[in-house]
Amino acid sequence: MRGWWAGAVAAVLVCLVATPTAGAGDATTFQLNPAHTGYSPDSLPRSLHQRWSLDLGRQVSYPLIADGKVFVLVQGVQLPGRADPVYALFGIDQETGQILWRQLLDFPGPWPSPLAYDNGRIFLATAYDVPAEHTARGAVEAYDARTGARLWRSGGLNHSWMFNGPPVAAGGVVYATGAGFGGSVYAVRESDGALLWSVEVNASDSGVALSPTRVYTAGACHFYAFDRATGAVAWVHDGGCTGGLEFLPVLYDGRLFARMAGPATGQVFDAAGGQIVGSFPMDSQWEPPPAFAGTLRVQVSGAKGTAAAYDVATGAARWEFRGDGSLQTAPLIAGDTVYVGGKSGLVYGLDLATGQERWQADTGAPVRPPEWWDNSVKPGLAVGGGMLVVPATGRLVAYGAPRGGGKSTAAPRPTFARVSVRCRTRCRAAIVLTLTRKHSSPRVVGQRRLTLPAGPHRVKVRLRRAALDRISGRVRLSARIRLTAIDRSGHRRRGRPIVHRSRRLVVRLG
């Protein structure tokens, strides 16, 4: 295979998106994506305003943001005539904060797993009661994102009844971990709940991180990689202990960043072969997972209540932000802004390059950390559809651009296109969108240049209003993408860049 081909590969699908329903699929699991990098290429406005706030229960999970809706799991919903609070799923209109539906979990066991989203469905793992057998069984469940109706309940999760790690749904499969009689990793088909494979591991309930071909998980001081299709073991790192705590690993730029309990250290593995290639410090074993963008790793120290950025390759400190000294959430990165929250209820937006404060808001309740034994749901921030959504204990608060004037009765016109790009390694992408119509010359309607880490991405390219406002009817939109592989120091690797032209898609404007 030619050397330049190993650098990057692009597969393109272009679709026009109309504001305000523009955030479909932006946050599909904990820390936004199946690798849990906490990174979104979509920037939010510098100054965010509170759009809505809901009081839902005793604790609210990290939100999923998809299809113009926000989905959360709530622990502690109090119902009339019922003494004990229950767990419930909520579907919420992202723009208005209106509750669209609520679905109670009939038997959540010790606690259900957090949530994952894919293809119009919400997934979680939980235990359910089997009265005839006087026992409980583990299962993955699927719910319709439009109505909240339960679509199916899988079987075969017989070794597990505790589900604390976040599942991931991608490529038609739900991947989840469970604990009970040891630990297990499960792969369940999204369409009908059929169990595709399962494998036993060392006390794992960390959740999983996905690459295009592998599933990664952690169990105490053990770390694993499995083939996504078959569950076959790719590699195992045995740290020499059994039982104990397990924390979700993060996959970034071909490396697995794994946090360890006990010694409170982080280890970095080569994701392909499983060799230890580095480490990173942690101030406590409860430290939340880091977020990644470009050459930076952003990490929050709950012990010190601060956020800091480090060079991914060298570990050198770039900046530290102290705020009010109460920071404790996993950080999120949207474009060039870092978002973090703390037990004081304050949420901050920081400049990614310098750590300088750009914005802050008070949610009115503590914003909890994701890794703690008393969390029966996993909290965390989420970004999608032009909004930052924050679970603040039992409250859910959404921030975005200030609302405009009166509502228009006309159908919303497209304002940007989403382009799917896949980089085999870290790469620079130059995207040019072209719009054509019968009897007219091609017209460039949008361009964007950005640096992306390895993996699949949905990149927003804003459309030029001057070009779009003069045309309507049936048009053809195509994309030309130029990908250049770059090394960890930011220099272009030798070899030709890849140029990919999408097939043209007929769309309707106006």
Protein backbone atom coordinates (compact mmCIF):
# COMPACT_ATOMS: atom_id res chain seq x y z
CA MET A 1 0.00 0.00 0.00
CA ARG A 2 1.30 3.46 -0.87
CA GLY A 3 2.63 5.42 2.10
CA TRP A 4 0.44 8.46 1.63
CA TRP A 5 -2.73 6.33 1.73
CA ALA A 6 -1.91 5.16 5.27
CA GLY A 7 -2.16 8.75 6.50
CA ALA A 8 -5.87 9.51 6.16
CA VAL A 9 -9.09 8.32 4.56
CA ALA A 10 -12.31 10.28 3.99
CA ALA A 11 -15.86 9.06 3.47
CA VAL A 12 -18.26 11.93 2.77
CA LEU A 13 -21.97 12.39 3.24
CA VAL A 14 -23.30 15.93 2.86
CA CYS A 15 -26.67 17.03 4.21
CA LEU A 16 -28.19 20.48 4.60
CA VAL A 17 -29.32 21.41 8.10
CA ALA A 18 -31.80 24.11 9.07
CA THR A 19 -31.56 26.03 12.32
CA PRO A 20 -32.73 25.44 15.05
CA THR A 21 -32.93 21.62 14.69
CA ALA A 22 -29.23 21.42 13.83
CA GLY A 23 -27.72 19.30 16.58
CA ALA A 24 -28.71 15.76 15.59
CA GLY A 25 -26.28 13.21 16.99
CA ASP A 26 -23.91 15.70 18.60
CA ALA A 27 -23.84 13.98 22.01
CA THR A 28 -24.54 10.24 21.85
CA THR A 29 -22.87 8.99 25.05
CA PHE A 30 -20.76 10.17 27.98
CA GLN A 31 -18.16 12.76 26.88
CA LEU A 32 -20.00 13.20 23.56
CA ASN A 33 -18.65 10.36 21.39
CA PRO A 34 -17.81 6.62 21.37
CA ALA A 35 -14.12 7.34 22.14
CA HIS A 36 -15.14 9.66 25.07
CA THR A 37 -12.67 12.38 24.01
CA GLY A 38 -14.97 15.16 25.23
CA TYR A 39 -14.38 17.09 21.99
CA SER A 40 -16.79 18.68 19.52
CA PRO A 41 -15.56 20.67 16.50
CA ASP A 42 -18.66 22.88 16.72
CA SER A 43 -18.09 26.18 18.53
CA LEU A 44 -20.68 27.83 20.75
CA PRO A 45 -21.20 31.61 21.02
CA ARG A 46 -18.67 33.35 23.27
CA SER A 47 -21.42 34.66 25.53
CA LEU A 48 -24.02 32.03 26.43
CA HIS A 49 -27.42 32.82 27.92
CA GLN A 50 -29.65 30.54 29.94
CA ARG A 51 -32.37 29.23 27.63
CA TRP A 52 -34.29 27.08 30.09
CA SER A 53 -34.05 25.19 33.39
CA LEU A 54 -35.93 22.13 34.67
CA ASP A 55 -36.14 20.59 38.15
CA LEU A 56 -36.39 16.84 37.52
CA GLY A 57 -35.33 14.78 40.53
CA ARG A 58 -32.64 14.04 43.05
CA GLN A 59 -29.93 13.38 40.43
CA VAL A 60 -29.80 13.90 36.67
CA SER A 61 -27.45 12.04 34.34
CA TYR A 62 -25.29 13.41 31.56
CA PRO A 63 -27.55 14.47 28.66
CA LEU A 64 -27.76 12.96 25.20
CA ILE A 65 -28.44 15.58 22.50
CA ALA A 66 -29.90 14.33 19.22
CA ASP A 67 -32.73 15.04 16.78
CA GLY A 68 -33.46 18.41 18.38
CA LYS A 69 -34.06 16.76 21.77
CA VAL A 70 -32.27 16.27 25.08
CA PHE A 71 -32.49 12.89 26.81
CA VAL A 72 -31.57 12.25 30.46
CA LEU A 73 -31.91 9.51 33.05
CA VAL A 74 -33.21 10.82 36.38
CA GLN A 75 -32.87 9.12 39.77
CA GLY A 76 -35.30 10.16 42.47
CA VAL A 77 -38.48 11.08 40.56
CA GLN A 78 -41.26 11.37 43.15
CA LEU A 79 -44.70 10.32 41.89
CA PRO A 80 -48.07 10.96 43.57
CA GLY A 81 -49.24 7.98 45.61
CA ARG A 82 -45.83 6.27 45.50
CA ALA A 83 -43.62 6.28 48.58
CA ASP A 84 -40.30 5.42 46.95
CA PRO A 85 -38.74 7.60 44.25
CA VAL A 86 -38.14 5.89 40.92
CA TYR A 87 -35.82 6.09 37.93
CA ALA A 88 -37.18 7.64 34.75
CA LEU A 89 -36.12 8.60 31.24
CA PHE A 90 -37.04 12.04 29.96
CA GLY A 91 -37.27 13.35 26.40
CA ILE A 92 -37.07 17.16 26.32
CA ASP A 93 -37.41 19.66 23.49
CA GLN A 94 -33.94 21.15 23.12
CA GLU A 95 -35.12 24.58 22.03
CA THR A 96 -37.85 25.20 24.62
CA GLY A 97 -37.11 22.85 27.51
CA GLN A 98 -40.61 21.36 27.29
CA ILE A 99 -40.89 17.77 28.54
CA LEU A 100 -42.08 15.71 25.57
CA TRP A 101 -42.33 12.34 27.30
CA ARG A 102 -41.40 10.46 30.47
CA GLN A 103 -40.80 6.72 30.76
CA LEU A 104 -40.50 5.00 34.14
CA LEU A 105 -38.09 2.10 34.60
CA ASP A 106 -40.09 -0.75 36.09
CA PHE A 107 -37.21 -2.44 37.98
CA PRO A 108 -33.83 -0.69 37.85
CA GLY A 109 -31.96 -3.11 40.17
CA PRO A 110 -29.11 -1.53 42.19
CA TRP A 111 -28.88 1.07 39.46
CA PRO A 112 -29.29 1.21 35.69
CA SER A 113 -26.50 2.16 33.34
CA PRO A 114 -26.18 5.62 31.82
CA LEU A 115 -27.56 6.25 28.32
CA ALA A 116 -26.44 5.92 24.71
CA TYR A 117 -28.12 7.06 21.46
CA ASP A 118 -28.06 5.83 17.86
CA ASN A 119 -30.48 5.82 14.92
CA GLY A 120 -33.48 7.28 16.73
CA ARG A 121 -33.18 4.99 19.75
CA ILE A 122 -31.99 5.34 23.35
CA PHE A 123 -30.24 2.42 25.03
CA LEU A 124 -29.40 1.49 28.61
CA ALA A 125 -28.50 -1.66 30.56
CA THR A 126 -30.37 -2.58 33.74
CA ALA A 127 -31.60 -5.44 35.88
CA TYR A 128 -35.24 -6.52 35.87
CA ASP A 129 -37.24 -8.65 38.27
CA VAL A 130 -38.24 -12.24 37.46
CA PRO A 131 -40.88 -12.98 40.15
CA ALA A 132 -41.32 -16.64 39.19
CA GLU A 133 -37.63 -17.27 39.79
CA HIS A 134 -37.24 -14.89 42.76
CA THR A 135 -34.28 -13.26 41.08
CA ALA A 136 -33.19 -10.44 38.83
CA ARG A 137 -31.61 -10.61 35.38
CA GLY A 138 -29.53 -8.17 33.41
CA ALA A 139 -30.65 -6.80 30.05
CA VAL A 140 -30.10 -4.04 27.52
CA GLU A 141 -33.23 -2.03 26.71
CA ALA A 142 -34.09 0.15 23.70
CA TYR A 143 -36.51 3.10 23.74
CA ASP A 144 -38.00 5.12 20.89
CA ALA A 145 -36.46 8.61 20.99
CA ARG A 146 -39.67 10.19 19.61
CA THR A 147 -42.17 8.70 22.06
CA GLY A 148 -40.20 7.08 24.90
CA ALA A 149 -41.89 3.72 24.26
CA ARG A 150 -39.78 0.67 25.08
CA LEU A 151 -39.02 -1.21 21.87
CA TRP A 152 -37.32 -4.33 23.21
CA ARG A 153 -35.54 -5.88 26.17
CA SER A 154 -32.61 -8.18 25.45
CA GLY A 155 -31.67 -11.35 27.29
CA GLY A 156 -28.43 -13.16 27.93
CA LEU A 157 -26.78 -10.76 30.40
CA ASN A 158 -26.99 -13.44 33.08
CA HIS A 159 -23.69 -12.64 34.83
CA SER A 160 -24.54 -9.00 35.58
CA TRP A 161 -27.00 -7.00 37.63
CA MET A 162 -25.00 -3.78 38.21
CA PHE A 163 -24.40 -1.37 35.32
CA ASN A 164 -22.43 1.75 36.14
CA GLY A 165 -20.30 2.32 33.02
CA PRO A 166 -21.66 4.28 30.05
CA PRO A 167 -22.67 2.13 27.07
CA VAL A 168 -21.94 3.08 23.47
CA ALA A 169 -24.21 2.49 20.44
CA ALA A 170 -22.64 2.65 16.99
CA GLY A 171 -22.75 0.75 13.72
CA GLY A 172 -25.96 -1.05 14.62
CA VAL A 173 -24.56 -2.52 17.87
CA VAL A 174 -24.84 -1.54 21.56
CA TYR A 175 -21.71 -2.22 23.64
CA ALA A 176 -22.06 -2.33 27.44
CA THR A 177 -20.28 -3.59 30.55
CA GLY A 178 -21.79 -5.13 33.66
CA ALA A 179 -20.75 -6.46 37.05
CA GLY A 180 -22.14 -9.15 39.32
CA PHE A 181 -20.59 -12.61 39.07
CA GLY A 182 -17.32 -11.06 37.91
CA GLY A 183 -17.41 -8.62 35.00
CA SER A 184 -18.56 -8.90 31.42
CA VAL A 185 -18.58 -6.98 28.13
CA TYR A 186 -21.65 -7.38 25.91
CA ALA A 187 -22.45 -6.63 22.27
CA VAL A 188 -26.19 -6.44 21.50
CA ARG A 189 -27.82 -5.80 18.12
CA GLU A 190 -29.65 -2.46 18.00
CA SER A 191 -32.54 -3.61 15.81
CA ASP A 192 -33.90 -6.42 18.00
CA GLY A 193 -31.73 -6.85 21.12
CA ALA A 194 -30.10 -10.11 20.04
CA LEU A 195 -26.90 -10.86 21.96
CA LEU A 196 -24.07 -10.97 19.39
CA TRP A 197 -21.25 -11.82 21.78
CA SER A 198 -20.14 -11.51 25.38
CA VAL A 199 -16.82 -12.00 27.14
CA GLU A 200 -15.89 -12.24 30.81
CA VAL A 201 -13.26 -9.88 32.20
CA ASN A 202 -11.78 -8.97 35.56
CA ALA A 203 -14.54 -7.19 37.52
CA SER A 204 -15.17 -4.68 34.74
CA ASP A 205 -18.00 -2.17 34.87
CA SER A 206 -16.09 0.77 33.47
CA GLY A 207 -18.00 1.19 30.22
CA VAL A 208 -16.34 0.92 26.82
CA ALA A 209 -14.47 3.12 24.34
CA LEU A 210 -14.70 2.35 20.62
CA SER A 211 -12.37 2.61 17.65
CA PRO A 212 -13.60 1.68 14.16
CA THR A 213 -12.52 -1.94 14.75
CA ARG A 214 -12.07 -2.47 18.49
CA VAL A 215 -13.76 -2.25 21.90
CA TYR A 216 -11.66 -1.13 24.90
CA THR A 217 -12.53 -1.52 28.58
CA ALA A 218 -10.94 -1.57 32.04
CA GLY A 219 -11.24 -3.81 35.10
CA ALA A 220 -9.34 -2.86 38.27
CA CYS A 221 -5.73 -2.75 37.00
CA HIS A 222 -6.52 -4.81 33.90
CA PHE A 223 -7.11 -3.27 30.46
CA TYR A 224 -8.56 -5.01 27.42
CA ALA A 225 -9.03 -4.66 23.68
CA PHE A 226 -11.54 -6.80 21.76
CA ASP A 227 -12.55 -7.13 18.12
CA ARG A 228 -15.81 -5.22 17.63
CA ALA A 229 -17.32 -7.79 15.28
CA THR A 230 -16.50 -11.01 17.13
CA GLY A 231 -15.39 -10.17 20.67
CA ALA A 232 -12.06 -11.91 20.08
CA VAL A 233 -9.30 -10.71 22.42
CA ALA A 234 -6.82 -8.37 20.70
CA TRP A 235 -4.68 -7.73 23.79
CA VAL A 236 -4.81 -7.74 27.59
CA HIS A 237 -2.71 -5.81 30.09
CA ASP A 238 -2.62 -7.59 33.45
CA GLY A 239 -1.68 -5.19 36.24
CA GLY A 240 -1.46 -7.96 38.81
CA CYS A 241 -4.55 -7.30 40.92
CA THR A 242 -8.15 -8.49 41.15
CA GLY A 243 -11.34 -6.66 42.06
CA GLY A 244 -11.33 -3.00 43.03
CA LEU A 245 -12.44 0.06 41.11
CA GLU A 246 -12.53 0.49 37.38
CA PHE A 247 -12.70 3.75 35.41
CA LEU A 248 -13.70 4.48 31.84
CA PRO A 249 -10.71 4.69 29.44
CA VAL A 250 -10.45 7.36 26.74
CA LEU A 251 -9.22 6.66 23.21
CA TYR A 252 -7.34 9.46 21.41
CA ASP A 253 -4.87 9.59 18.52
CA GLY A 254 -4.14 5.87 18.54
CA ARG A 255 -3.57 5.72 22.30
CA LEU A 256 -5.67 4.54 25.22
CA PHE A 257 -5.61 6.83 28.27
CA ALA A 258 -6.48 4.71 31.31
CA ARG A 259 -6.95 5.89 34.89
CA MET A 260 -6.00 3.53 37.72
CA ALA A 261 -7.40 3.32 41.25
CA GLY A 262 -5.15 2.85 44.26
CA PRO A 263 -1.93 4.52 43.08
CA ALA A 264 -4.00 7.25 41.39
CA THR A 265 -1.95 7.29 38.21
CA GLY A 266 -2.83 7.31 34.56
CA GLN A 267 -1.25 4.94 32.04
CA VAL A 268 -1.09 5.44 28.28
CA PHE A 269 -1.27 2.36 26.05
CA ASP A 270 -0.60 1.91 22.38
CA ALA A 271 -4.14 1.11 21.24
CA ALA A 272 -2.95 -1.26 18.52
CA GLY A 273 -0.61 -3.50 20.51
CA GLY A 274 -1.32 -2.79 24.17
CA GLN A 275 2.20 -1.67 25.12
CA ILE A 276 2.54 1.03 27.79
CA VAL A 277 3.93 4.11 26.03
CA GLY A 278 3.58 6.73 28.75
CA SER A 279 1.78 7.92 31.87
CA PHE A 280 0.04 11.00 33.24
CA PRO A 281 -0.36 12.18 36.87
CA MET A 282 -3.64 12.18 38.80
CA ASP A 283 -4.28 14.00 42.08
CA SER A 284 -6.77 11.38 43.28
CA GLN A 285 -8.34 8.13 42.14
CA TRP A 286 -11.67 9.95 41.64
CA GLU A 287 -10.28 12.34 39.05
CA PRO A 288 -12.64 12.64 36.05
CA PRO A 289 -11.54 11.57 32.56
CA PRO A 290 -9.54 14.10 30.51
CA ALA A 291 -10.67 15.74 27.26
CA PHE A 292 -8.52 16.09 24.14
CA ALA A 293 -8.19 18.53 21.25
CA GLY A 294 -5.22 18.92 18.91
CA THR A 295 -2.03 18.58 20.96
CA LEU A 296 -3.70 19.28 24.32
CA ARG A 297 -5.02 17.08 27.14
CA VAL A 298 -7.31 19.03 29.47
CA GLN A 299 -7.70 17.57 32.94
CA VAL A 300 -9.69 18.57 36.03
CA SER A 301 -8.35 17.88 39.50
CA GLY A 302 -11.22 17.39 41.91
CA ALA A 303 -8.73 17.30 44.79
CA LYS A 304 -7.50 20.82 43.98
CA GLY A 305 -10.69 22.07 42.29
CA THR A 306 -8.75 23.28 39.23
CA ALA A 307 -8.48 22.64 35.48
CA ALA A 308 -5.21 22.42 33.55
CA ALA A 309 -3.98 21.70 30.02
CA TYR A 310 -0.95 19.55 29.14
CA ASP A 311 0.89 18.69 25.96
CA VAL A 312 -0.28 15.25 24.84
CA ALA A 313 3.15 14.15 23.62
CA THR A 314 5.43 15.53 26.36
CA GLY A 315 3.13 16.06 29.35
CA ALA A 316 4.38 19.65 29.73
CA ALA A 317 1.92 21.96 31.50
CA ARG A 318 0.41 24.69 29.29
CA TRP A 319 -1.92 26.47 31.68
CA GLU A 320 -3.92 26.09 34.92
CA PHE A 321 -7.29 27.65 35.81
CA ARG A 322 -8.33 27.86 39.44
CA GLY A 323 -11.75 29.53 39.19
CA ASP A 324 -13.44 29.39 42.58
CA GLY A 325 -11.52 26.26 43.55
CA SER A 326 -14.52 23.91 43.28
CA LEU A 327 -14.13 22.44 39.78
CA GLN A 328 -14.92 18.72 39.62
CA THR A 329 -16.66 17.78 36.34
CA ALA A 330 -15.11 16.08 33.34
CA PRO A 331 -14.06 18.88 30.95
CA LEU A 332 -15.66 19.35 27.53
CA ILE A 333 -14.10 21.10 24.54
CA ALA A 334 -16.28 22.75 21.90
CA GLY A 335 -14.23 24.36 19.14
CA ASP A 336 -11.66 26.47 20.98
CA THR A 337 -13.48 26.67 24.33
CA VAL A 338 -13.23 24.40 27.39
CA TYR A 339 -16.31 24.00 29.61
CA VAL A 340 -16.09 22.85 33.25
CA GLY A 341 -18.33 23.01 36.30
CA GLY A 342 -18.02 22.67 40.06
CA LYS A 343 -19.75 21.96 43.34
CA SER A 344 -20.42 25.69 43.83
CA GLY A 345 -22.83 25.50 40.89
CA LEU A 346 -20.66 27.70 38.65
CA VAL A 347 -19.92 26.66 35.06
CA TYR A 348 -17.01 28.24 33.17
CA GLY A 349 -16.00 28.66 29.54
CA LEU A 350 -12.19 28.88 29.09
CA ASP A 351 -9.96 29.71 26.14
CA LEU A 352 -8.46 26.39 25.02
CA ALA A 353 -5.08 27.89 24.13
CA THR A 354 -4.53 30.06 27.22
CA GLY A 355 -6.97 28.94 29.93
CA GLN A 356 -8.32 32.49 30.27
CA GLU A 357 -11.93 32.77 31.44
CA ARG A 358 -14.38 33.76 28.68
CA TRP A 359 -17.73 33.11 30.34
CA GLN A 360 -19.35 31.87 33.53
CA ALA A 361 -22.85 31.13 34.78
CA ASP A 362 -24.44 29.98 38.03
CA THR A 363 -26.67 26.92 37.67
CA GLY A 364 -27.98 27.30 41.22
CA ALA A 365 -27.02 23.77 42.37
CA PRO A 366 -23.83 21.68 42.60
CA VAL A 367 -22.54 20.30 39.31
CA ARG A 368 -21.42 16.83 40.37
CA PRO A 369 -18.38 14.80 39.29
CA PRO A 370 -18.88 11.64 37.20
CA GLU A 371 -16.77 9.23 39.30
CA TRP A 372 -18.15 8.80 42.80
CA TRP A 373 -19.66 5.88 44.67
CA ASP A 374 -22.88 7.68 45.59
CA ASN A 375 -23.65 8.48 41.93
CA SER A 376 -26.45 6.15 40.91
CA VAL A 377 -26.49 8.06 37.62
CA LYS A 378 -23.39 9.44 35.93
CA PRO A 379 -23.44 13.27 35.62
CA GLY A 380 -21.60 15.20 32.93
CA LEU A 381 -21.85 18.20 30.62
CA ALA A 382 -22.94 17.89 26.99
CA VAL A 383 -22.67 20.08 23.89
CA GLY A 384 -24.86 19.79 20.81
CA GLY A 385 -27.15 21.74 18.51
CA GLY A 386 -25.60 25.06 19.51
CA MET A 387 -26.22 24.53 23.22
CA LEU A 388 -24.39 23.60 26.40
CA VAL A 389 -26.60 21.43 28.65
CA VAL A 390 -25.61 21.03 32.31
CA PRO A 391 -27.03 18.61 34.90
CA ALA A 392 -26.80 20.42 38.25
CA THR A 393 -27.76 17.76 40.83
CA GLY A 394 -31.56 17.50 40.28
CA ARG A 395 -31.73 20.39 37.82
CA LEU A 396 -31.06 20.48 34.07
CA VAL A 397 -29.95 23.84 32.66
CA ALA A 398 -29.43 24.72 28.98
CA TYR A 399 -27.30 27.60 27.68
CA GLY A 400 -27.11 28.97 24.15
CA ALA A 401 -27.27 32.09 22.05
CA PRO A 402 -29.85 34.67 23.18
CA ARG A 403 -33.28 34.19 21.67
CA GLY A 404 -34.16 36.33 18.68
CA GLY A 405 -37.27 38.40 18.11
CA GLY A 406 -40.63 37.16 16.93
CA LYS A 407 -40.90 33.72 15.40
CA SER A 408 -41.04 33.49 11.64
CA THR A 409 -43.81 31.45 10.05
CA ALA A 410 -41.63 30.63 7.04
CA ALA A 411 -39.80 27.32 6.87
CA PRO A 412 -36.22 27.69 8.15
CA ARG A 413 -33.62 27.93 5.39
CA PRO A 414 -30.43 25.88 5.62
CA THR A 415 -27.60 27.69 7.39
CA PHE A 416 -24.87 25.05 7.31
CA ALA A 417 -24.03 21.58 6.03
CA ARG A 418 -22.65 18.64 7.95
CA VAL A 419 -19.86 16.65 6.32
CA SER A 420 -18.71 13.23 7.53
CA VAL A 421 -14.91 12.89 7.52
CA ARG A 422 -12.79 9.96 8.67
CA CYS A 423 -9.06 10.41 9.37
CA ARG A 424 -6.89 7.34 9.83
CA THR A 425 -4.34 9.46 11.70
CA ARG A 426 -4.38 13.07 12.90
CA CYS A 427 -4.90 15.21 9.80
CA ARG A 428 -5.68 18.63 8.36
CA ALA A 429 -8.94 18.84 6.43
CA ALA A 430 -9.75 21.47 3.80
CA ILE A 431 -13.46 21.24 2.84
CA VAL A 432 -15.05 23.05 -0.11
CA LEU A 433 -18.82 22.80 -0.68
CA THR A 434 -20.15 23.43 -4.18
CA LEU A 435 -23.75 24.06 -5.14
CA THR A 436 -25.02 23.57 -8.69
CA ARG A 437 -28.34 23.85 -10.43
CA LYS A 438 -29.48 22.99 -13.94
CA HIS A 439 -28.42 25.63 -16.47
CA SER A 440 -26.14 27.34 -13.93
CA SER A 441 -22.44 27.22 -13.15
CA PRO A 442 -21.11 25.56 -9.97
CA ARG A 443 -20.95 27.96 -7.04
CA VAL A 444 -18.78 27.64 -3.92
CA VAL A 445 -21.16 28.07 -0.98
CA GLY A 446 -18.99 27.08 1.96
CA GLN A 447 -15.38 26.41 3.00
CA ARG A 448 -13.66 25.31 6.17
CA ARG A 449 -10.15 24.30 7.26
CA LEU A 450 -9.47 22.52 10.54
CA THR A 451 -7.26 19.94 12.25
CA LEU A 452 -8.90 16.69 13.34
CA PRO A 453 -7.76 13.76 15.48
CA ALA A 454 -7.90 10.21 14.15
CA GLY A 455 -11.39 8.75 13.78
CA PRO A 456 -14.78 9.67 12.33
CA HIS A 457 -16.09 13.24 12.58
CA ARG A 458 -19.22 15.20 11.66
CA VAL A 459 -17.91 18.64 10.66
CA LYS A 460 -20.14 21.70 10.37
CA VAL A 461 -19.48 23.95 7.34
CA ARG A 462 -21.38 27.22 7.41
CA LEU A 463 -23.08 28.18 4.15
CA ARG A 464 -22.61 31.58 2.52
CA ARG A 465 -25.90 33.42 2.72
CA ALA A 466 -25.09 35.63 -0.28
CA ALA A 467 -24.95 32.58 -2.53
CA LEU A 468 -27.90 30.69 -1.08
CA ASP A 469 -30.36 33.59 -0.87
CA ARG A 470 -30.35 33.99 -4.66
CA ILE A 471 -31.44 30.44 -5.48
CA SER A 472 -34.25 28.05 -4.59
CA GLY A 473 -35.76 24.82 -5.82
CA ARG A 474 -33.85 21.65 -6.67
CA VAL A 475 -30.08 22.00 -6.44
CA ARG A 476 -27.05 19.72 -6.23
CA LEU A 477 -24.60 19.91 -3.35
CA SER A 478 -21.18 18.26 -3.46
CA ALA A 479 -18.08 18.35 -1.29
CA ARG A 480 -14.38 18.29 -2.11
CA ILE A 481 -12.16 17.34 0.82
CA ARG A 482 -8.38 17.54 0.92
CA LEU A 483 -6.82 15.57 3.80
CA THR A 484 -3.19 15.90 4.85
CA ALA A 485 -1.75 13.63 7.54
CA ILE A 486 0.23 15.46 10.23
CA ASP A 487 2.50 14.20 12.99
CA ARG A 488 2.20 14.91 16.72
CA SER A 489 4.31 18.04 16.45
CA GLY A 490 1.89 19.53 13.93
CA HIS A 491 4.09 19.10 10.83
CA ARG A 492 2.77 17.66 7.58
CA ARG A 493 3.88 14.13 6.93
CA ARG A 494 5.64 13.38 3.68
CA GLY A 495 3.44 12.15 0.86
CA ARG A 496 0.56 13.38 -1.23
CA PRO A 497 -2.61 14.65 0.44
CA ILE A 498 -5.80 12.76 -0.33
CA VAL A 499 -8.51 14.54 -2.33
CA HIS A 500 -11.99 13.05 -2.17
CA ARG A 501 -15.07 14.16 -4.12
CA SER A 502 -18.44 13.08 -2.83
CA ARG A 503 -21.19 11.95 -5.13
CA ARG A 504 -23.59 14.81 -5.71
CA LEU A 505 -26.82 14.72 -3.75
CA VAL A 506 -30.04 16.31 -4.96
CA VAL A 507 -31.54 18.53 -2.27
CA ARG A 508 -34.37 21.07 -2.13
CA LEU A 509 -33.91 24.63 -0.92
CA GLY A 510 -36.47 27.28 -0.12
